[in-house]
Amino acid sequence: MEIEIDIKNKIRDYIIESTFDDVKKITDETLIFEEGVLDSMGLLFLIEFLKEEFNITTNDEELVIDNFQSINSIVIFIKNKM
């Protein structure tokens, strides 16, 4: 559980640093792309961050909205890859 919280905090911090949006509106369930927090270029940078921070390689078939729609879904994706 503690590892999950650490992963979640790192992802949240990254997204907050990567956006000019009001950080108060970004929750663990915020639909990152639907609400315009990140765009397609932001996704590329997010994937690079995951690679560097968690040593996670994302395959083309994993580039689906379910894996990246919110902070919670990204945490699940990372946990499944570890």
N, C-alpha and C. Protein backbone atom coordinates (compact mmCIF):
# COMPACT_ATOMS: atom_id res chain seq x y z
N MET A 1 0.83 -1.21 0.00
CA MET A 1 0.00 0.00 0.00
C MET A 1 0.86 1.26 0.00
N GLU A 2 1.95 1.22 0.78
CA GLU A 2 2.83 2.38 0.85
C GLU A 2 3.49 2.65 -0.51
N ILE A 3 3.83 1.57 -1.22
CA ILE A 3 4.42 1.73 -2.54
C ILE A 3 3.42 2.39 -3.48
N GLU A 4 2.15 2.00 -3.39
CA GLU A 4 1.11 2.59 -4.22
C GLU A 4 0.97 4.08 -3.94
N ILE A 5 1.03 4.47 -2.69
CA ILE A 5 0.93 5.89 -2.33
C ILE A 5 2.12 6.65 -2.89
N ASP A 6 3.31 6.06 -2.81
CA ASP A 6 4.52 6.70 -3.34
C ASP A 6 4.40 6.89 -4.85
N ILE A 7 3.95 5.85 -5.55
CA ILE A 7 3.75 5.94 -7.01
C ILE A 7 2.74 7.04 -7.32
N LYS A 8 1.63 7.02 -6.60
CA LYS A 8 0.56 8.00 -6.84
C LYS A 8 1.07 9.43 -6.63
N ASN A 9 1.83 9.65 -5.57
CA ASN A 9 2.37 10.98 -5.29
C ASN A 9 3.33 11.44 -6.38
N LYS A 10 4.17 10.55 -6.87
CA LYS A 10 5.11 10.90 -7.93
C LYS A 10 4.37 11.27 -9.21
N ILE A 11 3.34 10.51 -9.55
CA ILE A 11 2.56 10.80 -10.76
C ILE A 11 1.81 12.12 -10.60
N ARG A 12 1.18 12.31 -9.45
CA ARG A 12 0.44 13.55 -9.20
C ARG A 12 1.38 14.75 -9.30
N ASP A 13 2.55 14.66 -8.66
CA ASP A 13 3.53 15.76 -8.71
C ASP A 13 3.96 16.04 -10.14
N TYR A 14 4.20 14.98 -10.92
CA TYR A 14 4.60 15.17 -12.31
C TYR A 14 3.50 15.88 -13.11
N ILE A 15 2.28 15.42 -12.97
CA ILE A 15 1.18 16.02 -13.72
C ILE A 15 0.97 17.48 -13.31
N ILE A 16 1.05 17.76 -12.03
CA ILE A 16 0.88 19.14 -11.56
C ILE A 16 1.99 20.04 -12.12
N GLU A 17 3.22 19.53 -12.16
CA GLU A 17 4.34 20.30 -12.69
C GLU A 17 4.24 20.48 -14.20
N SER A 18 3.52 19.58 -14.87
CA SER A 18 3.45 19.58 -16.33
C SER A 18 2.28 20.37 -16.88
N THR A 19 1.44 20.91 -16.03
CA THR A 19 0.24 21.59 -16.51
C THR A 19 0.15 23.00 -15.95
N PHE A 20 -0.60 23.81 -16.64
CA PHE A 20 -0.88 25.16 -16.16
C PHE A 20 -2.28 25.24 -15.58
N ASP A 21 -2.93 24.08 -15.48
CA ASP A 21 -4.28 24.02 -14.93
C ASP A 21 -4.27 24.32 -13.43
N ASP A 22 -5.43 24.61 -12.92
CA ASP A 22 -5.60 24.81 -11.48
C ASP A 22 -5.35 23.47 -10.79
N VAL A 23 -4.28 23.40 -10.01
CA VAL A 23 -3.90 22.13 -9.39
C VAL A 23 -4.94 21.64 -8.39
N LYS A 24 -5.78 22.51 -7.88
CA LYS A 24 -6.81 22.11 -6.92
C LYS A 24 -7.87 21.24 -7.57
N LYS A 25 -8.02 21.34 -8.89
CA LYS A 25 -9.05 20.55 -9.55
C LYS A 25 -8.54 19.18 -10.01
N ILE A 26 -7.24 18.92 -9.84
CA ILE A 26 -6.68 17.64 -10.25
C ILE A 26 -6.72 16.67 -9.07
N THR A 27 -7.58 15.66 -9.20
CA THR A 27 -7.70 14.63 -8.17
C THR A 27 -7.21 13.30 -8.76
N ASP A 28 -7.25 12.28 -7.97
CA ASP A 28 -6.81 10.96 -8.44
C ASP A 28 -7.75 10.39 -9.50
N GLU A 29 -8.98 10.92 -9.57
CA GLU A 29 -9.97 10.44 -10.54
C GLU A 29 -10.20 11.43 -11.71
N THR A 30 -9.51 12.55 -11.71
CA THR A 30 -9.66 13.52 -12.80
C THR A 30 -9.33 12.85 -14.13
N LEU A 31 -10.20 13.02 -15.10
CA LEU A 31 -9.98 12.47 -16.44
C LEU A 31 -8.99 13.39 -17.16
N ILE A 32 -7.74 13.02 -17.10
CA ILE A 32 -6.62 13.87 -17.48
C ILE A 32 -6.74 14.42 -18.90
N PHE A 33 -7.13 13.59 -19.85
CA PHE A 33 -7.19 14.03 -21.24
C PHE A 33 -8.55 14.62 -21.59
N GLU A 34 -9.62 14.05 -21.06
CA GLU A 34 -10.96 14.58 -21.32
C GLU A 34 -11.09 16.00 -20.78
N GLU A 35 -10.45 16.29 -19.65
CA GLU A 35 -10.56 17.61 -19.04
C GLU A 35 -9.44 18.55 -19.49
N GLY A 36 -8.61 18.08 -20.42
CA GLY A 36 -7.58 18.95 -21.00
C GLY A 36 -6.38 19.22 -20.10
N VAL A 37 -6.18 18.41 -19.09
CA VAL A 37 -5.02 18.60 -18.22
C VAL A 37 -3.74 18.32 -19.01
N LEU A 38 -3.74 17.23 -19.78
CA LEU A 38 -2.65 16.90 -20.68
C LEU A 38 -3.22 16.67 -22.08
N ASP A 39 -2.37 16.88 -23.08
CA ASP A 39 -2.77 16.59 -24.46
C ASP A 39 -1.90 15.45 -24.99
N SER A 40 -1.95 15.19 -26.29
CA SER A 40 -1.21 14.06 -26.84
C SER A 40 0.30 14.21 -26.64
N MET A 41 0.81 15.42 -26.73
CA MET A 41 2.23 15.65 -26.48
C MET A 41 2.53 15.40 -25.00
N GLY A 42 1.61 15.78 -24.14
CA GLY A 42 1.75 15.52 -22.72
C GLY A 42 1.81 14.03 -22.42
N LEU A 43 1.07 13.23 -23.20
CA LEU A 43 1.10 11.78 -23.04
C LEU A 43 2.49 11.25 -23.35
N LEU A 44 3.10 11.76 -24.41
CA LEU A 44 4.45 11.32 -24.77
C LEU A 44 5.44 11.63 -23.65
N PHE A 45 5.34 12.83 -23.08
CA PHE A 45 6.22 13.19 -21.98
C PHE A 45 5.92 12.34 -20.73
N LEU A 46 4.65 12.05 -20.49
CA LEU A 46 4.27 11.21 -19.36
C LEU A 46 4.87 9.80 -19.52
N ILE A 47 4.81 9.25 -20.71
CA ILE A 47 5.37 7.92 -20.97
C ILE A 47 6.88 7.93 -20.74
N GLU A 48 7.54 9.00 -21.16
CA GLU A 48 8.98 9.13 -20.92
C GLU A 48 9.28 9.24 -19.42
N PHE A 49 8.45 9.98 -18.70
CA PHE A 49 8.60 10.09 -17.24
C PHE A 49 8.46 8.71 -16.59
N LEU A 50 7.46 7.94 -17.00
CA LEU A 50 7.26 6.60 -16.43
C LEU A 50 8.46 5.70 -16.70
N LYS A 51 9.02 5.85 -17.89
CA LYS A 51 10.20 5.05 -18.24
C LYS A 51 11.38 5.40 -17.34
N GLU A 52 11.60 6.69 -17.15
CA GLU A 52 12.74 7.13 -16.35
C GLU A 52 12.52 6.87 -14.86
N GLU A 53 11.33 7.17 -14.37
CA GLU A 53 11.06 7.09 -12.93
C GLU A 53 10.83 5.67 -12.43
N PHE A 54 10.14 4.85 -13.23
CA PHE A 54 9.75 3.52 -12.78
C PHE A 54 10.33 2.38 -13.62
N ASN A 55 11.17 2.73 -14.60
CA ASN A 55 11.77 1.75 -15.50
C ASN A 55 10.69 0.92 -16.21
N ILE A 56 9.66 1.62 -16.68
CA ILE A 56 8.50 1.02 -17.34
C ILE A 56 8.57 1.33 -18.84
N THR A 57 8.51 0.31 -19.65
CA THR A 57 8.44 0.50 -21.10
C THR A 57 6.99 0.30 -21.52
N THR A 58 6.46 1.26 -22.25
CA THR A 58 5.07 1.18 -22.70
C THR A 58 5.04 0.75 -24.16
N ASN A 59 4.37 -0.36 -24.43
CA ASN A 59 4.24 -0.87 -25.79
C ASN A 59 3.08 -0.17 -26.50
N ASP A 60 3.11 -0.21 -27.82
CA ASP A 60 2.06 0.44 -28.61
C ASP A 60 0.67 -0.03 -28.22
N GLU A 61 0.52 -1.33 -27.98
CA GLU A 61 -0.82 -1.86 -27.65
C GLU A 61 -1.29 -1.43 -26.27
N GLU A 62 -0.39 -0.90 -25.44
CA GLU A 62 -0.75 -0.41 -24.12
C GLU A 62 -1.16 1.07 -24.13
N LEU A 63 -1.02 1.71 -25.27
CA LEU A 63 -1.39 3.12 -25.40
C LEU A 63 -2.88 3.27 -25.62
N VAL A 64 -3.63 2.88 -24.60
CA VAL A 64 -5.09 2.98 -24.64
C VAL A 64 -5.54 3.87 -23.49
N ILE A 65 -6.67 4.50 -23.66
CA ILE A 65 -7.17 5.47 -22.69
C ILE A 65 -7.34 4.85 -21.30
N ASP A 66 -7.72 3.59 -21.24
CA ASP A 66 -7.93 2.96 -19.93
C ASP A 66 -6.68 2.98 -19.05
N ASN A 67 -5.51 2.94 -19.65
CA ASN A 67 -4.26 2.93 -18.89
C ASN A 67 -3.84 4.33 -18.42
N PHE A 68 -4.36 5.38 -19.04
CA PHE A 68 -3.86 6.72 -18.78
C PHE A 68 -4.94 7.76 -18.51
N GLN A 69 -6.16 7.33 -18.23
CA GLN A 69 -7.26 8.29 -18.10
C GLN A 69 -7.23 9.09 -16.81
N SER A 70 -6.61 8.55 -15.75
CA SER A 70 -6.55 9.26 -14.46
C SER A 70 -5.29 8.84 -13.72
N ILE A 71 -5.00 9.52 -12.64
CA ILE A 71 -3.86 9.14 -11.81
C ILE A 71 -4.04 7.70 -11.31
N ASN A 72 -5.24 7.38 -10.87
CA ASN A 72 -5.50 6.02 -10.38
C ASN A 72 -5.26 4.96 -11.46
N SER A 73 -5.69 5.23 -12.68
CA SER A 73 -5.50 4.24 -13.74
C SER A 73 -4.02 4.11 -14.11
N ILE A 74 -3.25 5.19 -14.03
CA ILE A 74 -1.82 5.12 -14.29
C ILE A 74 -1.12 4.29 -13.21
N VAL A 75 -1.54 4.46 -11.95
CA VAL A 75 -0.97 3.66 -10.86
C VAL A 75 -1.22 2.17 -11.11
N ILE A 76 -2.42 1.82 -11.50
CA ILE A 76 -2.75 0.42 -11.78
C ILE A 76 -1.89 -0.09 -12.92
N PHE A 77 -1.74 0.70 -13.96
CA PHE A 77 -0.92 0.34 -15.11
C PHE A 77 0.52 0.06 -14.67
N ILE A 78 1.09 0.94 -13.86
CA ILE A 78 2.46 0.77 -13.38
C ILE A 78 2.59 -0.48 -12.51
N LYS A 79 1.65 -0.66 -11.60
CA LYS A 79 1.70 -1.85 -10.74
C LYS A 79 1.64 -3.13 -11.54
N ASN A 80 0.84 -3.14 -12.60
CA ASN A 80 0.73 -4.32 -13.45
C ASN A 80 2.02 -4.57 -14.25
N LYS A 81 2.75 -3.51 -14.53
CA LYS A 81 4.00 -3.64 -15.30
C LYS A 81 5.18 -4.03 -14.42
N MET A 82 5.07 -3.80 -13.13
CA MET A 82 6.22 -4.08 -12.23
C MET A 82 6.31 -5.55 -11.90
